PDB file of N, CA and C in Angstrom:
ATOM      1  N   UNK A   1       1.178  -0.961  -0.316  1.00  0.00           N
ATOM      2  CA  UNK A   1       0.055   0.110   0.220  1.00  0.00           C
ATOM      3  C   UNK A   1       1.180   1.195  -0.276  1.00  0.00           C
ATOM      4  N   UNK A   2       0.489   2.405  -0.895  1.00  0.00           N
ATOM      5  CA  UNK A   2       1.485   3.548  -0.768  1.00  0.00           C
ATOM      6  C   UNK A   2       1.273   3.832   0.131  1.00  0.00           C
ATOM      7  N   UNK A   3       1.884   4.951   0.897  1.00  0.00           N
ATOM      8  CA  UNK A   3       1.901   6.264   1.582  1.00  0.00           C
ATOM      9  C   UNK A   3       1.455   7.296   0.474  1.00  0.00           C
ATOM     10  N   UNK A   4       1.879   8.393   2.402  1.00  0.00           N
ATOM     11  CA  UNK A   4       1.301   9.867   1.255  1.00  0.00           C
ATOM     12  C   UNK A   4       2.527  10.451   0.728  1.00  0.00           C
ATOM     13  N   UNK A   5       3.849   9.495   1.588  1.00  0.00           N
ATOM     14  CA  UNK A   5       5.040  10.475   1.230  1.00  0.00           C
ATOM     15  C   UNK A   5       5.574   9.735   0.054  1.00  0.00           C
ATOM     16  N   UNK A   6       5.293   8.766  -0.567  1.00  0.00           N
ATOM     17  CA  UNK A   6       5.251   8.245  -2.396  1.00  0.00           C
ATOM     18  C   UNK A   6       4.856   8.876  -3.090  1.00  0.00           C
ATOM     19  N   UNK A   7       3.727   9.390  -2.432  1.00  0.00           N
ATOM     20  CA  UNK A   7       2.978   9.917  -3.522  1.00  0.00           C
ATOM     21  C   UNK A   7       3.485  11.041  -3.822  1.00  0.00           C
ATOM     22  N   UNK A   8       4.059  11.835  -2.823  1.00  0.00           N
ATOM     23  CA  UNK A   8       4.391  13.199  -2.477  1.00  0.00           C
ATOM     24  C   UNK A   8       5.613  12.998  -3.540  1.00  0.00           C
ATOM     25  N   UNK A   9       7.032  11.810  -3.268  1.00  0.00           N
ATOM     26  CA  UNK A   9       8.103  11.753  -4.079  1.00  0.00           C
ATOM     27  C   UNK A   9       7.975  11.934  -5.493  1.00  0.00           C
ATOM     28  N   UNK A  10       6.440  11.475  -5.895  1.00  0.00           N
ATOM     29  CA  UNK A  10       6.769  11.270  -7.470  1.00  0.00           C
ATOM     30  C   UNK A  10       5.674  12.257  -8.063  1.00  0.00           C
ATOM     31  N   UNK A  11       5.289  12.861  -7.277  1.00  0.00           N
ATOM     32  CA  UNK A  11       4.931  14.135  -7.357  1.00  0.00           C
ATOM     33  C   UNK A  11       6.106  14.894  -8.162  1.00  0.00           C
ATOM     34  N   UNK A  12       7.264  14.973  -6.697  1.00  0.00           N
ATOM     35  CA  UNK A  12       8.431  15.432  -7.596  1.00  0.00           C
ATOM     36  C   UNK A  12       8.981  15.475  -7.563  1.00  0.00           C
ATOM     37  N   UNK A  13       9.278  14.440  -8.832  1.00  0.00           N
ATOM     38  CA  UNK A  13      10.026  13.411  -9.607  1.00  0.00           C
ATOM     39  C   UNK A  13       9.270  14.108 -11.087  1.00  0.00           C
ATOM     40  N   UNK A  14       8.492  13.840 -10.922  1.00  0.00           N
ATOM     41  CA  UNK A  14       7.546  14.448 -12.218  1.00  0.00           C
ATOM     42  C   UNK A  14       8.012  15.559 -12.061  1.00  0.00           C
ATOM     43  N   UNK A  15       7.969  16.166 -11.864  1.00  0.00           N
ATOM     44  CA  UNK A  15       7.794  18.158 -11.799  1.00  0.00           C
ATOM     45  C   UNK A  15       8.873  18.117 -11.730  1.00  0.00           C
ATOM     46  N   UNK A  16      10.136  17.642 -11.125  1.00  0.00           N
ATOM     47  CA  UNK A  16      11.480  17.734 -11.733  1.00  0.00           C
ATOM     48  C   UNK A  16      12.244  17.176 -13.407  1.00  0.00           C
ATOM     49  N   UNK A  17      11.317  16.306 -13.423  1.00  0.00           N
ATOM     50  CA  UNK A  17      10.952  16.189 -15.260  1.00  0.00           C
ATOM     51  C   UNK A  17      10.673  16.796 -16.136  1.00  0.00           C
ATOM     52  N   UNK A  18       9.590  17.390 -16.054  1.00  0.00           N
ATOM     53  CA  UNK A  18       8.883  18.273 -16.850  1.00  0.00           C
ATOM     54  C   UNK A  18       9.478  19.551 -16.987  1.00  0.00           C
ATOM     55  N   UNK A  19      10.003  20.016 -15.481  1.00  0.00           N
ATOM     56  CA  UNK A  19      11.130  21.001 -15.185  1.00  0.00           C
ATOM     57  C   UNK A  19      12.146  20.938 -16.555  1.00  0.00           C
ATOM     58  N   UNK A  20      13.292  20.083 -16.120  1.00  0.00           N
ATOM     59  CA  UNK A  20      14.126  19.639 -16.951  1.00  0.00           C
ATOM     60  C   UNK A  20      13.494  19.427 -18.969  1.00  0.00           C
ATOM     61  N   UNK A  21      12.423  19.034 -18.886  1.00  0.00           N
ATOM     62  CA  UNK A  21      12.360  19.130 -20.331  1.00  0.00           C
ATOM     63  C   UNK A  21      12.432  20.172 -20.777  1.00  0.00           C
ATOM     64  N   UNK A  22      11.610  21.685 -19.794  1.00  0.00           N
ATOM     65  CA  UNK A  22      11.149  22.608 -20.573  1.00  0.00           C
ATOM     66  C   UNK A  22      12.510  23.776 -20.758  1.00  0.00           C
ATOM     67  N   UNK A  23      13.281  23.104 -19.998  1.00  0.00           N
ATOM     68  CA  UNK A  23      14.796  23.998 -20.133  1.00  0.00           C
ATOM     69  C   UNK A  23      15.824  23.524 -21.087  1.00  0.00           C
ATOM     70  N   UNK A  24      15.376  21.824 -21.512  1.00  0.00           N
ATOM     71  CA  UNK A  24      15.989  22.111 -22.393  1.00  0.00           C
ATOM     72  C   UNK A  24      15.359  21.700 -23.695  1.00  0.00           C
ATOM     73  N   UNK A  25      14.229  21.676 -23.802  1.00  0.00           N
ATOM     74  CA  UNK A  25      13.547  22.276 -25.004  1.00  0.00           C
ATOM     75  C   UNK A  25      13.826  22.813 -26.304  1.00  0.00           C
ATOM     76  N   UNK A  26      14.160  23.973 -25.862  1.00  0.00           N
ATOM     77  CA  UNK A  26      14.744  24.647 -27.052  1.00  0.00           C
ATOM     78  C   UNK A  26      15.659  24.464 -27.578  1.00  0.00           C
ATOM     79  N   UNK A  27      16.746  23.653 -27.582  1.00  0.00           N
ATOM     80  CA  UNK A  27      17.848  23.255 -27.544  1.00  0.00           C
ATOM     81  C   UNK A  27      17.898  22.282 -28.251  1.00  0.00           C
ATOM     82  N   UNK A  28      16.780  21.452 -28.340  1.00  0.00           N
ATOM     83  CA  UNK A  28      16.475  19.881 -29.225  1.00  0.00           C
ATOM     84  C   UNK A  28      16.601  20.677 -31.252  1.00  0.00           C
ATOM     85  N   UNK A  29      16.362  21.725 -31.766  1.00  0.00           N
ATOM     86  CA  UNK A  29      16.614  22.019 -32.341  1.00  0.00           C
ATOM     87  C   UNK A  29      17.531  22.441 -32.752  1.00  0.00           C
ATOM     88  N   UNK A  30      18.678  22.672 -32.619  1.00  0.00           N
ATOM     89  CA  UNK A  30      19.922  23.352 -32.342  1.00  0.00           C
ATOM     90  C   UNK A  30      20.744  23.591 -33.932  1.00  0.00           C
ATOM     91  N   UNK A  31      21.868  23.474 -32.934  1.00  0.00           N
ATOM     92  CA  UNK A  31      23.219  23.316 -34.880  1.00  0.00           C
ATOM     93  C   UNK A  31      24.055  23.811 -34.034  1.00  0.00           C
ATOM     94  N   UNK A  32      25.358  22.858 -35.207  1.00  0.00           N
ATOM     95  CA  UNK A  32      26.666  23.288 -34.798  1.00  0.00           C
ATOM     96  C   UNK A  32      27.060  24.059 -34.382  1.00  0.00           C
ATOM     97  N   UNK A  33      28.252  24.526 -33.251  1.00  0.00           N
ATOM     98  CA  UNK A  33      28.440  25.994 -32.821  1.00  0.00           C
ATOM     99  C   UNK A  33      30.296  25.764 -33.171  1.00  0.00           C
ATOM    100  N   UNK A  34      30.479  26.849 -33.186  1.00  0.00           N
ATOM    101  CA  UNK A  34      32.468  27.172 -32.948  1.00  0.00           C
ATOM    102  C   UNK A  34      33.007  25.377 -33.024  1.00  0.00           C
ATOM    103  N   UNK A  35      33.479  24.874 -32.122  1.00  0.00           N
ATOM    104  CA  UNK A  35      34.470  24.316 -32.091  1.00  0.00           C
ATOM    105  C   UNK A  35      33.968  22.791 -32.388  1.00  0.00           C
ATOM    106  N   UNK A  36      32.981  22.628 -32.697  1.00  0.00           N
ATOM    107  CA  UNK A  36      31.565  21.214 -33.135  1.00  0.00           C
ATOM    108  C   UNK A  36      32.158  20.685 -34.667  1.00  0.00           C
ATOM    109  N   UNK A  37      32.563  21.993 -35.288  1.00  0.00           N
ATOM    110  CA  UNK A  37      32.627  21.132 -36.913  1.00  0.00           C
ATOM    111  C   UNK A  37      34.124  20.684 -36.814  1.00  0.00           C
ATOM    112  N   UNK A  38      35.024  21.350 -36.158  1.00  0.00           N
ATOM    113  CA  UNK A  38      36.546  20.328 -36.491  1.00  0.00           C
ATOM    114  C   UNK A  38      36.414  19.089 -35.157  1.00  0.00           C
ATOM    115  N   UNK A  39      35.889  19.395 -34.252  1.00  0.00           N
ATOM    116  CA  UNK A  39      36.174  18.221 -32.732  1.00  0.00           C
ATOM    117  C   UNK A  39      34.940  17.179 -33.269  1.00  0.00           C
ATOM    118  N   UNK A  40      33.508  17.066 -33.933  1.00  0.00           N
ATOM    119  CA  UNK A  40      33.006  16.064 -34.104  1.00  0.00           C
ATOM    120  C   UNK A  40      32.870  15.850 -35.596  1.00  0.00           C
ATOM    121  N   UNK A  41      32.542  16.761 -35.783  1.00  0.00           N
ATOM    122  CA  UNK A  41      31.917  16.770 -37.534  1.00  0.00           C
ATOM    123  C   UNK A  41      32.985  15.725 -38.935  1.00  0.00           C
ATOM    124  N   UNK A  42      33.983  16.806 -37.955  1.00  0.00           N
ATOM    125  CA  UNK A  42      35.782  16.802 -39.331  1.00  0.00           C
ATOM    126  C   UNK A  42      36.942  15.164 -38.082  1.00  0.00           C
ATOM    127  N   UNK A  43      36.073  14.650 -37.244  1.00  0.00           N
ATOM    128  CA  UNK A  43      36.952  14.125 -36.610  1.00  0.00           C
ATOM    129  C   UNK A  43      36.831  12.475 -36.931  1.00  0.00           C
ATOM    130  N   UNK A  44      37.428  12.033 -37.965  1.00  0.00           N
ATOM    131  CA  UNK A  44      37.078  10.515 -38.248  1.00  0.00           C
ATOM    132  C   UNK A  44      37.766   9.717 -37.113  1.00  0.00           C
ATOM    133  N   UNK A  45      38.201  10.065 -36.368  1.00  0.00           N
ATOM    134  CA  UNK A  45      38.614   9.641 -35.337  1.00  0.00           C
ATOM    135  C   UNK A  45      37.279   9.112 -34.043  1.00  0.00           C
ATOM    136  N   UNK A  46      36.629  10.165 -33.566  1.00  0.00           N
ATOM    137  CA  UNK A  46      35.480  10.008 -33.164  1.00  0.00           C
ATOM    138  C   UNK A  46      33.676   9.460 -33.964  1.00  0.00           C
ATOM    139  N   UNK A  47      33.974   9.054 -35.302  1.00  0.00           N
ATOM    140  CA  UNK A  47      33.349   8.269 -35.831  1.00  0.00           C
ATOM    141  C   UNK A  47      32.849   6.863 -35.733  1.00  0.00           C
ATOM    142  N   UNK A  48      32.840   6.002 -35.003  1.00  0.00           N
ATOM    143  CA  UNK A  48      31.954   5.031 -34.401  1.00  0.00           C
ATOM    144  C   UNK A  48      31.398   4.117 -35.348  1.00  0.00           C
ATOM    145  N   UNK A  49      30.839   3.241 -36.228  1.00  0.00           N
ATOM    146  CA  UNK A  49      30.656   2.595 -37.042  1.00  0.00           C
ATOM    147  C   UNK A  49      30.309   1.580 -36.846  1.00  0.00           C
ATOM    148  N   UNK A  50      31.262   0.643 -35.465  1.00  0.00           N
ATOM    149  CA  UNK A  50      30.405  -0.833 -35.889  1.00  0.00           C
ATOM    150  C   UNK A  50      30.742  -0.142 -33.906  1.00  0.00           C
ATOM    151  N   UNK A  51      30.235  -1.310 -33.068  1.00  0.00           N
ATOM    152  CA  UNK A  51      30.558  -1.351 -31.422  1.00  0.00           C
ATOM    153  C   UNK A  51      31.445  -2.868 -30.871  1.00  0.00           C
ATOM    154  N   UNK A  52      32.368  -2.208 -32.003  1.00  0.00           N
ATOM    155  CA  UNK A  52      33.606  -3.537 -31.485  1.00  0.00           C
ATOM    156  C   UNK A  52      35.072  -3.317 -30.934  1.00  0.00           C
ATOM    157  N   UNK A  53      35.772  -4.055 -29.782  1.00  0.00           N
ATOM    158  CA  UNK A  53      36.700  -3.277 -29.367  1.00  0.00           C
ATOM    159  C   UNK A  53      37.422  -2.277 -30.266  1.00  0.00           C
ATOM    160  N   UNK A  54      37.954  -2.771 -31.012  1.00  0.00           N
ATOM    161  CA  UNK A  54      39.127  -1.665 -31.966  1.00  0.00           C
ATOM    162  C   UNK A  54      38.458  -0.434 -32.476  1.00  0.00           C
ATOM    163  N   UNK A  55      36.871  -0.940 -32.773  1.00  0.00           N
ATOM    164  CA  UNK A  55      36.749   0.568 -32.964  1.00  0.00           C
ATOM    165  C   UNK A  55      36.452   1.744 -31.052  1.00  0.00           C
ATOM    166  N   UNK A  56      36.156   0.926 -30.092  1.00  0.00           N
ATOM    167  CA  UNK A  56      35.857   1.966 -29.332  1.00  0.00           C
ATOM    168  C   UNK A  56      37.059   1.787 -28.894  1.00  0.00           C
ATOM    169  N   UNK A  57      38.599   1.262 -29.040  1.00  0.00           N
ATOM    170  CA  UNK A  57      39.704   1.996 -28.026  1.00  0.00           C
ATOM    171  C   UNK A  57      40.105   2.979 -29.464  1.00  0.00           C
ATOM    172  N   UNK A  58      39.427   2.520 -30.182  1.00  0.00           N
ATOM    173  CA  UNK A  58      40.364   3.784 -31.059  1.00  0.00           C
ATOM    174  C   UNK A  58      39.599   5.361 -30.573  1.00  0.00           C
ATOM    175  N   UNK A  59      38.585   5.372 -30.524  1.00  0.00           N
ATOM    176  CA  UNK A  59      37.887   6.389 -30.188  1.00  0.00           C
ATOM    177  C   UNK A  59      38.280   6.878 -29.172  1.00  0.00           C
ATOM    178  N   UNK A  60      37.968   6.042 -27.786  1.00  0.00           N
ATOM    179  CA  UNK A  60      38.604   6.325 -26.566  1.00  0.00           C
ATOM    180  C   UNK A  60      39.717   7.092 -26.346  1.00  0.00           C
ATOM    181  N   UNK A  61      40.816   6.677 -27.258  1.00  0.00           N
ATOM    182  CA  UNK A  61      42.334   7.192 -27.068  1.00  0.00           C
ATOM    183  C   UNK A  61      42.746   7.445 -27.981  1.00  0.00           C
ATOM    184  N   UNK A  62      41.685   9.137 -29.128  1.00  0.00           N
ATOM    185  CA  UNK A  62      41.845   9.292 -29.883  1.00  0.00           C
ATOM    186  C   UNK A  62      41.955  11.190 -29.357  1.00  0.00           C
ATOM    187  N   UNK A  63      42.327  12.504 -29.838  1.00  0.00           N
ATOM    188  CA  UNK A  63      42.205  13.598 -29.182  1.00  0.00           C
ATOM    189  C   UNK A  63      41.039  14.700 -30.391  1.00  0.00           C
ATOM    190  N   UNK A  64      40.498  15.887 -29.460  1.00  0.00           N
ATOM    191  CA  UNK A  64      39.834  16.274 -30.177  1.00  0.00           C
ATOM    192  C   UNK A  64      40.955  17.599 -30.961  1.00  0.00           C
ATOM    193  N   UNK A  65      40.506  17.369 -32.789  1.00  0.00           N
ATOM    194  CA  UNK A  65      41.642  18.141 -33.332  1.00  0.00           C
ATOM    195  C   UNK A  65      42.402  19.702 -33.309  1.00  0.00           C
ATOM    196  N   UNK A  66      41.824  20.070 -32.474  1.00  0.00           N
ATOM    197  CA  UNK A  66      42.301  21.555 -31.700  1.00  0.00           C
ATOM    198  C   UNK A  66      42.557  22.397 -30.416  1.00  0.00           C
ATOM    199  N   UNK A  67      42.821  20.603 -30.192  1.00  0.00           N
ATOM    200  CA  UNK A  67      43.124  20.454 -28.960  1.00  0.00           C
ATOM    201  C   UNK A  67      44.104  19.371 -28.698  1.00  0.00           C
ATOM    202  N   UNK A  68      45.154  19.796 -27.014  1.00  0.00           N
ATOM    203  CA  UNK A  68      46.268  19.132 -26.946  1.00  0.00           C
ATOM    204  C   UNK A  68      46.212  17.655 -25.849  1.00  0.00           C
ATOM    205  N   UNK A  69      44.647  18.385 -24.822  1.00  0.00           N
ATOM    206  CA  UNK A  69      44.261  17.572 -23.854  1.00  0.00           C
ATOM    207  C   UNK A  69      44.095  15.888 -24.339  1.00  0.00           C
ATOM    208  N   UNK A  70      43.929  15.456 -22.960  1.00  0.00           N
ATOM    209  CA  UNK A  70      43.961  14.419 -23.555  1.00  0.00           C
ATOM    210  C   UNK A  70      42.040  13.984 -22.659  1.00  0.00           C
ATOM    211  N   UNK A  71      41.261  13.948 -23.388  1.00  0.00           N
ATOM    212  CA  UNK A  71      40.356  13.848 -22.476  1.00  0.00           C
ATOM    213  C   UNK A  71      39.054  12.862 -23.154  1.00  0.00           C
ATOM    214  N   UNK A  72      39.737  11.212 -22.860  1.00  0.00           N
ATOM    215  CA  UNK A  72      39.012  10.090 -22.965  1.00  0.00           C
ATOM    216  C   UNK A  72      37.503   9.790 -23.050  1.00  0.00           C
ATOM    217  N   UNK A  73      36.781  10.231 -22.161  1.00  0.00           N
ATOM    218  CA  UNK A  73      35.727  10.348 -21.066  1.00  0.00           C
ATOM    219  C   UNK A  73      34.152  11.024 -22.977  1.00  0.00           C
ATOM    220  N   UNK A  74      35.284  12.468 -23.122  1.00  0.00           N
ATOM    221  CA  UNK A  74      34.232  13.295 -23.844  1.00  0.00           C
ATOM    222  C   UNK A  74      34.497  12.295 -24.659  1.00  0.00           C
ATOM    223  N   UNK A  75      35.372  11.545 -25.661  1.00  0.00           N
ATOM    224  CA  UNK A  75      35.875  11.198 -26.340  1.00  0.00           C
ATOM    225  C   UNK A  75      34.748  10.066 -26.776  1.00  0.00           C
ATOM    226  N   UNK A  76      35.044   9.347 -26.029  1.00  0.00           N
ATOM    227  CA  UNK A  76      34.372   7.923 -25.821  1.00  0.00           C
ATOM    228  C   UNK A  76      32.227   8.293 -25.947  1.00  0.00           C
ATOM    229  N   UNK A  77      32.701   8.518 -25.079  1.00  0.00           N
ATOM    230  CA  UNK A  77      31.115   9.542 -25.151  1.00  0.00           C
ATOM    231  C   UNK A  77      30.175   9.984 -26.601  1.00  0.00           C
ATOM    232  N   UNK A  78      31.496  11.025 -27.263  1.00  0.00           N
ATOM    233  CA  UNK A  78      30.665  11.345 -28.449  1.00  0.00           C
ATOM    234  C   UNK A  78      31.123  10.712 -29.411  1.00  0.00           C
ATOM    235  N   UNK A  79      31.769   9.475 -29.614  1.00  0.00           N
ATOM    236  CA  UNK A  79      32.313   8.649 -30.976  1.00  0.00           C
ATOM    237  C   UNK A  79      30.475   7.652 -30.256  1.00  0.00           C
ATOM    238  N   UNK A  80      30.082   7.317 -29.471  1.00  0.00           N
ATOM    239  CA  UNK A  80      28.924   6.477 -28.795  1.00  0.00           C
ATOM    240  C   UNK A  80      27.826   7.649 -29.342  1.00  0.00           C
ATOM    241  N   UNK A  81      27.314   8.820 -29.796  1.00  0.00           N
ATOM    242  CA  UNK A  81      26.866   9.837 -29.837  1.00  0.00           C
ATOM    243  C   UNK A  81      26.596   9.579 -31.382  1.00  0.00           C
ATOM    244  N   UNK A  82      27.648   9.640 -32.190  1.00  0.00           N
ATOM    245  CA  UNK A  82      27.945   9.869 -33.852  1.00  0.00           C
ATOM    246  C   UNK A  82      27.210   8.455 -33.834  1.00  0.00           C
ATOM    247  N   UNK A  83      27.883   7.048 -33.233  1.00  0.00           N
ATOM    248  CA  UNK A  83      27.435   5.715 -33.733  1.00  0.00           C
ATOM    249  C   UNK A  83      25.731   5.981 -33.823  1.00  0.00           C
ATOM    250  N   UNK A  84      24.854   6.432 -33.162  1.00  0.00           N
ATOM    251  CA  UNK A  84      23.750   5.875 -32.280  1.00  0.00           C
ATOM    252  C   UNK A  84      22.422   7.034 -33.181  1.00  0.00           C
ATOM    253  N   UNK A  85      23.228   8.666 -33.593  1.00  0.00           N
ATOM    254  CA  UNK A  85      22.722   9.621 -34.888  1.00  0.00           C
ATOM    255  C   UNK A  85      23.463   9.896 -35.122  1.00  0.00           C
ATOM    256  N   UNK A  86      24.323   9.617 -35.421  1.00  0.00           N
ATOM    257  CA  UNK A  86      25.598  10.381 -36.584  1.00  0.00           C
ATOM    258  C   UNK A  86      25.759  11.686 -36.920  1.00  0.00           C
ATOM    259  N   UNK A  87      24.809  12.863 -37.591  1.00  0.00           N
ATOM    260  CA  UNK A  87      25.908  14.202 -37.205  1.00  0.00           C
ATOM    261  C   UNK A  87      24.389  15.383 -36.434  1.00  0.00           C
ATOM    262  N   UNK A  88      22.690  14.426 -36.046  1.00  0.00           N
ATOM    263  CA  UNK A  88      21.763  14.687 -35.861  1.00  0.00           C
ATOM    264  C   UNK A  88      22.547  15.304 -34.452  1.00  0.00           C
ATOM    265  N   UNK A  89      22.063  16.731 -34.373  1.00  0.00           N
ATOM    266  CA  UNK A  89      22.347  17.482 -32.842  1.00  0.00           C
ATOM    267  C   UNK A  89      21.464  16.893 -32.016  1.00  0.00           C
ATOM    268  N   UNK A  90      20.142  16.534 -32.058  1.00  0.00           N
ATOM    269  CA  UNK A  90      19.511  15.845 -31.264  1.00  0.00           C
ATOM    270  C   UNK A  90      20.137  14.992 -30.129  1.00  0.00           C
ATOM    271  N   UNK A  91      21.245  14.414 -30.877  1.00  0.00           N
ATOM    272  CA  UNK A  91      21.676  13.539 -29.476  1.00  0.00           C
ATOM    273  C   UNK A  91      22.545  13.699 -29.207  1.00  0.00           C
ATOM    274  N   UNK A  92      22.913  14.513 -29.061  1.00  0.00           N
ATOM    275  CA  UNK A  92      24.136  15.323 -28.521  1.00  0.00           C
ATOM    276  C   UNK A  92      23.853  16.212 -26.957  1.00  0.00           C
ATOM    277  N   UNK A  93      22.227  16.390 -26.656  1.00  0.00           N
ATOM    278  CA  UNK A  93      21.922  17.366 -26.314  1.00  0.00           C
ATOM    279  C   UNK A  93      21.553  15.934 -24.811  1.00  0.00           C
TER     280      UNK A  93
END
């Protein structure tokens, strides 16, 4: 049986999800900006086409084209975004 506190928690979660959707709603139809072209669209090392070990390692150990810093997790997540959505901006939000 649900207690009233569980119902309040569910209301709060639904409210927070609604606020989050409202905040990000304007970015869903966005476009590429600034270094997105060089770091994502033109960076072939981030373009994951298969989910095999070699492809994931290539992405994980790549660098952004205009940056000397090594950032493995952002490179990996951008590579996975490319795998699932290619150059569709919506998937990167």
